[in-house]
N, C-alpha and C. Protein backbone atom coordinates (compact mmCIF):
# COMPACT_ATOMS: atom_id res chain seq x y z
N MET A 1 194.03 19.26 -14.28
CA MET A 1 193.05 19.88 -13.55
C MET A 1 193.57 20.20 -12.10
N LEU A 2 194.24 19.38 -11.61
CA LEU A 2 194.59 19.62 -10.20
C LEU A 2 195.40 20.85 -10.15
N PHE A 3 196.25 21.14 -10.99
CA PHE A 3 197.19 22.34 -10.94
C PHE A 3 196.64 23.44 -11.67
N LEU A 4 195.64 23.29 -12.53
CA LEU A 4 195.19 24.47 -13.35
C LEU A 4 193.87 24.98 -12.92
N ASP A 5 193.18 24.32 -12.00
CA ASP A 5 191.86 24.73 -11.48
C ASP A 5 191.88 25.10 -10.03
N PRO A 6 191.75 26.41 -9.70
CA PRO A 6 191.84 26.93 -8.26
C PRO A 6 190.89 26.22 -7.38
N ARG A 7 189.73 25.63 -7.93
CA ARG A 7 188.73 25.01 -6.99
C ARG A 7 189.28 23.78 -6.44
N GLN A 8 190.30 23.16 -6.99
CA GLN A 8 190.95 21.94 -6.50
C GLN A 8 191.41 22.08 -5.00
N ARG A 9 191.81 23.34 -4.61
CA ARG A 9 192.39 23.51 -3.31
C ARG A 9 191.29 23.39 -2.33
N GLU A 10 190.06 23.84 -2.76
CA GLU A 10 188.92 23.76 -1.84
C GLU A 10 188.46 22.25 -1.69
N LEU A 11 188.68 21.46 -2.78
CA LEU A 11 188.13 20.08 -2.64
C LEU A 11 189.20 19.18 -1.94
N TYR A 12 190.40 19.55 -1.91
CA TYR A 12 191.45 18.68 -1.22
C TYR A 12 192.04 19.56 -0.03
N PRO A 13 191.59 19.27 1.24
CA PRO A 13 192.11 20.05 2.33
C PRO A 13 193.58 19.80 2.40
N ASP A 14 194.15 18.57 1.99
CA ASP A 14 195.53 18.24 2.14
C ASP A 14 196.13 18.46 0.63
N PHE A 15 195.97 19.61 0.06
CA PHE A 15 196.19 19.90 -1.38
C PHE A 15 197.74 19.59 -1.64
N ASP A 16 198.47 20.17 -0.59
CA ASP A 16 200.00 20.16 -0.96
C ASP A 16 200.57 18.65 -0.96
N ARG A 17 199.96 17.89 -0.15
CA ARG A 17 200.50 16.49 -0.16
C ARG A 17 199.93 15.82 -1.35
N ARG A 18 198.59 16.02 -1.66
CA ARG A 18 197.98 15.38 -2.83
C ARG A 18 198.68 15.83 -4.14
N ALA A 19 199.02 17.08 -4.31
CA ALA A 19 199.74 17.54 -5.45
C ALA A 19 201.11 16.87 -5.51
N GLY A 20 201.83 16.70 -4.40
CA GLY A 20 202.98 15.96 -4.47
C GLY A 20 203.02 14.53 -4.95
N GLU A 21 201.88 13.87 -4.50
CA GLU A 21 201.56 12.53 -4.81
C GLU A 21 201.26 12.38 -6.38
N ALA A 22 200.46 13.50 -6.83
CA ALA A 22 200.09 13.40 -8.26
C ALA A 22 201.27 13.52 -9.17
N VAL A 23 202.16 14.38 -8.74
CA VAL A 23 203.42 14.58 -9.42
C VAL A 23 204.36 13.32 -9.48
N ALA A 24 204.38 12.72 -8.40
CA ALA A 24 205.25 11.55 -8.14
C ALA A 24 204.61 10.39 -8.96
N ALA A 25 203.26 10.36 -9.10
CA ALA A 25 202.64 9.22 -9.88
C ALA A 25 202.89 9.53 -11.35
N LEU A 26 202.82 10.87 -11.78
CA LEU A 26 203.07 11.28 -13.27
C LEU A 26 204.38 10.98 -13.60
N ARG A 27 205.40 11.14 -12.72
CA ARG A 27 206.89 10.90 -13.01
C ARG A 27 206.98 9.44 -13.08
N ARG A 28 206.36 8.65 -12.33
CA ARG A 28 206.42 7.15 -12.52
C ARG A 28 205.94 6.68 -13.84
N THR A 29 204.76 7.23 -14.23
CA THR A 29 204.25 6.88 -15.59
C THR A 29 205.12 7.40 -16.69
N ALA A 30 205.68 8.64 -16.59
CA ALA A 30 206.70 9.14 -17.53
C ALA A 30 207.85 8.15 -17.68
N GLY A 31 208.28 7.61 -16.65
CA GLY A 31 209.41 6.78 -16.72
C GLY A 31 209.06 5.50 -17.48
N GLN A 32 207.80 5.13 -17.28
CA GLN A 32 207.39 3.84 -18.09
C GLN A 32 207.18 4.16 -19.62
N PHE A 33 206.78 5.32 -19.88
CA PHE A 33 206.62 5.70 -21.34
C PHE A 33 207.34 6.90 -21.70
N PRO A 34 208.63 6.79 -21.79
CA PRO A 34 209.42 8.13 -22.09
C PRO A 34 209.14 8.65 -23.44
N ASP A 35 208.60 7.91 -24.36
CA ASP A 35 208.41 8.39 -25.77
C ASP A 35 207.00 8.79 -25.97
N ASP A 36 206.11 8.80 -25.01
CA ASP A 36 204.79 9.05 -25.28
C ASP A 36 204.62 10.67 -25.35
N ARG A 37 204.34 11.01 -26.69
CA ARG A 37 204.19 12.44 -27.04
C ARG A 37 203.08 13.20 -26.24
N ASP A 38 202.03 12.62 -26.07
CA ASP A 38 200.90 13.20 -25.31
C ASP A 38 201.18 13.45 -23.87
N LEU A 39 201.89 12.40 -23.19
CA LEU A 39 202.44 12.65 -21.96
C LEU A 39 203.36 13.67 -21.84
N LEU A 40 204.28 13.61 -22.75
CA LEU A 40 205.21 14.66 -22.71
C LEU A 40 204.73 16.14 -22.95
N GLY A 41 203.71 16.16 -23.75
CA GLY A 41 202.88 17.42 -23.92
C GLY A 41 202.23 18.00 -22.72
N LEU A 42 201.55 16.95 -21.96
CA LEU A 42 200.99 17.28 -20.71
C LEU A 42 201.91 17.91 -19.67
N ILE A 43 203.04 17.17 -19.62
CA ILE A 43 203.99 17.57 -18.56
C ILE A 43 204.65 18.97 -18.98
N GLY A 44 204.89 19.21 -20.29
CA GLY A 44 205.23 20.53 -20.66
C GLY A 44 204.21 21.67 -20.56
N GLU A 45 202.99 21.27 -20.70
CA GLU A 45 201.90 22.21 -20.52
C GLU A 45 201.74 22.56 -18.98
N LEU A 46 201.80 21.62 -18.19
CA LEU A 46 201.65 21.92 -16.80
C LEU A 46 202.96 22.72 -16.22
N THR A 47 204.08 22.36 -16.79
CA THR A 47 205.34 23.15 -16.29
C THR A 47 205.21 24.55 -16.66
N VAL A 48 204.71 24.81 -17.87
CA VAL A 48 204.48 26.26 -18.22
C VAL A 48 203.49 27.00 -17.50
N LEU A 49 202.26 26.34 -17.34
CA LEU A 49 201.17 26.98 -16.83
C LEU A 49 201.12 26.90 -15.31
N SER A 50 201.80 26.14 -14.59
CA SER A 50 201.74 26.03 -13.22
C SER A 50 203.21 26.04 -12.54
N GLU A 51 203.47 27.22 -11.88
CA GLU A 51 204.64 27.29 -11.17
C GLU A 51 204.86 26.25 -10.12
N GLU A 52 203.65 25.95 -9.44
CA GLU A 52 203.64 24.83 -8.47
C GLU A 52 204.09 23.44 -9.01
N PHE A 53 203.40 23.15 -10.05
CA PHE A 53 203.74 21.78 -10.85
C PHE A 53 205.21 21.78 -11.10
N ALA A 54 205.75 22.86 -11.65
CA ALA A 54 207.03 23.01 -12.19
C ALA A 54 207.98 22.78 -11.10
N GLY A 55 207.88 23.38 -9.95
CA GLY A 55 208.66 23.22 -8.70
C GLY A 55 208.66 21.70 -8.30
N LEU A 56 207.46 21.17 -8.17
CA LEU A 56 207.38 19.70 -7.75
C LEU A 56 208.04 18.80 -8.80
N TRP A 57 207.78 19.05 -9.95
CA TRP A 57 208.49 18.17 -11.01
C TRP A 57 210.04 18.36 -10.85
N ALA A 58 210.51 19.46 -10.74
CA ALA A 58 211.96 19.72 -10.66
C ALA A 58 212.59 18.88 -9.46
N ALA A 59 211.63 18.51 -8.50
CA ALA A 59 212.20 17.76 -7.17
C ALA A 59 212.38 16.32 -7.54
N HIS A 60 211.92 15.83 -8.69
CA HIS A 60 212.05 14.44 -9.21
C HIS A 60 211.42 13.37 -8.15
N PRO A 61 210.17 13.56 -7.66
CA PRO A 61 209.66 12.57 -6.96
C PRO A 61 209.24 11.37 -7.73
N VAL A 62 209.15 10.21 -7.23
CA VAL A 62 208.56 9.01 -7.93
C VAL A 62 207.71 8.38 -6.97
N GLY A 63 206.45 8.13 -7.41
CA GLY A 63 205.53 7.51 -6.56
C GLY A 63 205.21 5.97 -6.75
N GLU A 64 204.76 5.28 -5.85
CA GLU A 64 204.28 3.87 -5.95
C GLU A 64 202.83 3.88 -5.57
N CYS A 65 202.20 2.85 -6.05
CA CYS A 65 200.74 2.65 -5.61
C CYS A 65 200.64 2.14 -4.30
N GLY A 66 199.48 2.34 -3.64
CA GLY A 66 199.19 1.74 -2.35
C GLY A 66 198.04 2.37 -1.70
N SER A 67 197.82 2.26 -0.43
CA SER A 67 196.70 2.69 0.25
C SER A 67 196.88 3.89 1.18
N THR A 68 195.97 4.87 1.08
CA THR A 68 196.00 6.03 1.88
C THR A 68 194.56 6.39 2.36
N ALA A 69 194.57 7.38 3.27
CA ALA A 69 193.31 7.95 3.57
C ALA A 69 193.29 9.36 2.98
N GLU A 70 192.30 9.74 2.18
CA GLU A 70 192.33 11.03 1.53
C GLU A 70 191.27 11.83 2.16
N ARG A 71 191.48 13.10 2.40
CA ARG A 71 190.43 14.04 2.75
C ARG A 71 189.99 14.97 1.78
N TYR A 72 188.75 15.05 1.67
CA TYR A 72 188.01 16.00 0.65
C TYR A 72 187.21 16.98 1.31
N HIS A 73 186.88 18.10 0.56
CA HIS A 73 185.75 19.02 1.02
C HIS A 73 184.82 19.19 -0.11
N HIS A 74 183.77 18.46 -0.05
CA HIS A 74 182.78 18.48 -1.18
C HIS A 74 181.85 19.79 -1.02
N PRO A 75 181.64 20.48 -2.06
CA PRO A 75 180.78 21.68 -1.83
C PRO A 75 179.39 21.42 -1.39
N LEU A 76 178.76 20.14 -1.61
CA LEU A 76 177.52 19.92 -1.26
C LEU A 76 177.37 19.28 0.16
N VAL A 77 178.24 18.42 0.48
CA VAL A 77 178.15 17.56 1.74
C VAL A 77 179.27 17.87 2.73
N GLY A 78 180.25 18.79 2.33
CA GLY A 78 181.29 19.10 3.34
C GLY A 78 182.37 18.10 3.38
N PRO A 79 182.99 17.99 4.57
CA PRO A 79 184.21 17.17 4.64
C PRO A 79 183.96 15.64 4.46
N LEU A 80 184.86 15.00 3.78
CA LEU A 80 184.78 13.61 3.56
C LEU A 80 186.21 13.03 3.87
N THR A 81 186.32 11.84 4.52
CA THR A 81 187.49 11.07 4.62
C THR A 81 187.32 9.80 3.93
N LEU A 82 188.06 9.48 2.88
CA LEU A 82 187.84 8.30 2.11
C LEU A 82 189.22 7.47 1.97
N GLY A 83 188.98 6.26 2.16
CA GLY A 83 190.12 5.25 1.92
C GLY A 83 190.49 5.23 0.41
N GLU A 84 191.64 5.28 -0.01
CA GLU A 84 192.06 5.27 -1.43
C GLU A 84 193.02 4.04 -1.59
N GLU A 85 192.55 3.12 -2.43
CA GLU A 85 193.43 2.08 -2.78
C GLU A 85 193.79 2.25 -4.34
N VAL A 86 195.00 2.21 -4.68
CA VAL A 86 195.47 2.34 -6.03
C VAL A 86 196.29 1.05 -6.33
N MET A 87 195.80 0.40 -7.40
CA MET A 87 196.52 -0.90 -7.97
C MET A 87 196.79 -0.77 -9.34
N HIS A 88 197.95 -1.24 -9.72
CA HIS A 88 198.28 -1.45 -11.10
C HIS A 88 197.53 -2.56 -11.78
N LEU A 89 196.95 -2.31 -12.92
CA LEU A 89 196.22 -3.36 -13.72
C LEU A 89 197.06 -4.19 -14.66
N ALA A 90 198.01 -3.39 -15.27
CA ALA A 90 198.95 -4.08 -16.06
C ALA A 90 200.44 -3.31 -16.11
N ALA A 91 201.34 -3.90 -15.76
CA ALA A 91 202.62 -3.30 -15.52
C ALA A 91 203.14 -2.53 -16.72
N ASP A 92 202.83 -3.06 -17.91
CA ASP A 92 203.35 -2.36 -19.14
C ASP A 92 202.36 -1.50 -19.92
N ALA A 93 201.20 -1.38 -19.33
CA ALA A 93 200.14 -0.55 -19.96
C ALA A 93 199.93 0.76 -19.28
N GLY A 94 200.49 0.93 -18.07
CA GLY A 94 200.28 2.19 -17.34
C GLY A 94 198.91 2.39 -16.72
N GLN A 95 198.14 1.39 -16.64
CA GLN A 95 196.74 1.51 -16.15
C GLN A 95 196.69 1.22 -14.72
N ARG A 96 195.89 2.03 -13.98
CA ARG A 96 195.73 1.78 -12.61
C ARG A 96 194.31 1.95 -12.21
N LEU A 97 193.92 1.15 -11.14
CA LEU A 97 192.48 1.22 -10.78
C LEU A 97 192.53 1.81 -9.34
N VAL A 98 191.78 2.95 -9.18
CA VAL A 98 191.67 3.73 -7.96
C VAL A 98 190.37 3.47 -7.35
N VAL A 99 190.30 2.96 -6.19
CA VAL A 99 189.07 2.66 -5.51
C VAL A 99 188.90 3.63 -4.28
N LEU A 100 187.85 4.47 -4.25
CA LEU A 100 187.65 5.23 -3.03
C LEU A 100 186.55 4.45 -2.14
N HIS A 101 186.72 4.67 -0.78
CA HIS A 101 185.63 3.92 0.00
C HIS A 101 185.63 4.70 1.39
N ALA A 102 184.41 4.64 1.92
CA ALA A 102 184.11 5.28 3.36
C ALA A 102 184.02 4.12 4.25
N GLU A 103 184.56 4.42 5.59
CA GLU A 103 184.26 3.49 6.51
C GLU A 103 182.69 3.33 6.79
N PRO A 104 182.35 2.05 7.05
CA PRO A 104 180.86 1.78 7.22
C PRO A 104 180.38 2.57 8.54
N ASP A 105 179.17 3.13 8.41
CA ASP A 105 178.62 3.91 9.48
C ASP A 105 179.36 5.18 9.77
N SER A 106 180.19 5.73 8.91
CA SER A 106 180.90 6.81 9.34
C SER A 106 180.08 8.14 8.70
N ALA A 107 180.47 9.31 9.26
CA ALA A 107 179.86 10.56 8.53
C ALA A 107 180.14 10.58 7.13
N SER A 108 181.32 10.19 6.65
CA SER A 108 181.69 10.15 5.32
C SER A 108 180.73 9.17 4.39
N ALA A 109 180.51 8.04 5.00
CA ALA A 109 179.62 7.12 4.35
C ALA A 109 178.10 7.83 4.19
N ALA A 110 177.72 8.40 5.24
CA ALA A 110 176.48 9.15 5.23
C ALA A 110 176.39 10.23 4.19
N ALA A 111 177.44 10.94 4.03
CA ALA A 111 177.61 11.97 3.07
C ALA A 111 177.67 11.44 1.68
N LEU A 112 178.27 10.30 1.48
CA LEU A 112 178.35 9.64 0.05
C LEU A 112 176.84 9.18 -0.25
N ARG A 113 175.94 8.75 0.75
CA ARG A 113 174.64 8.32 0.55
C ARG A 113 173.87 9.45 0.09
N LEU A 114 174.04 10.63 0.77
CA LEU A 114 173.37 11.96 0.35
C LEU A 114 173.78 12.37 -1.16
N LEU A 115 175.05 12.20 -1.45
CA LEU A 115 175.35 12.46 -2.82
C LEU A 115 174.84 11.61 -3.75
N ALA A 116 174.76 10.29 -3.56
CA ALA A 116 174.21 9.28 -4.39
C ALA A 116 172.61 9.71 -4.61
N ALA A 117 171.97 9.98 -3.52
CA ALA A 117 170.51 10.23 -3.58
C ALA A 117 170.29 11.56 -4.34
N SER A 118 171.24 12.44 -4.43
CA SER A 118 171.06 13.69 -5.18
C SER A 118 171.07 13.56 -6.65
N VAL A 119 171.59 12.39 -7.18
CA VAL A 119 171.75 12.27 -8.54
C VAL A 119 170.64 11.21 -9.22
N ARG A 120 169.82 10.83 -8.43
CA ARG A 120 168.87 9.84 -8.74
C ARG A 120 167.77 10.48 -9.49
C-alpha cells in the first residue's frame, strides 16, 4: 500500500525516509524467509508496479527494529508526531509489534483524542 497508493505521500510528510525504512524492513524479513512464496510474490509485484520501490530494493538496505519519531498528516486532524517502537516478538517467526504513541499533553495527543471520539 505504501508504494501503490498515492495518498500515502499525503499521510507521511517524511515519505522518502519512511519508504526507505519500509524497504529495509522488508529486505530483513526476506532474508529470514528466503523461500516464502507469498513474500517473494509481494516483492516481485512491488518491483514491477513501483519504480520507486524497485530503486530502493536495488540499493539493498537492511533495517533493524528500534525507536523513532514518525510524522503523519491525517486528513481529519492534520499533523501528528508519534513515537514508534518496533519490537521483534519471535526471532524465527518474523513477527513484530509496532506501538505508536503521542507525548502526553501534546498537540498530537489531543488530535488522537479527537480521532478516538470520532469513532465512538
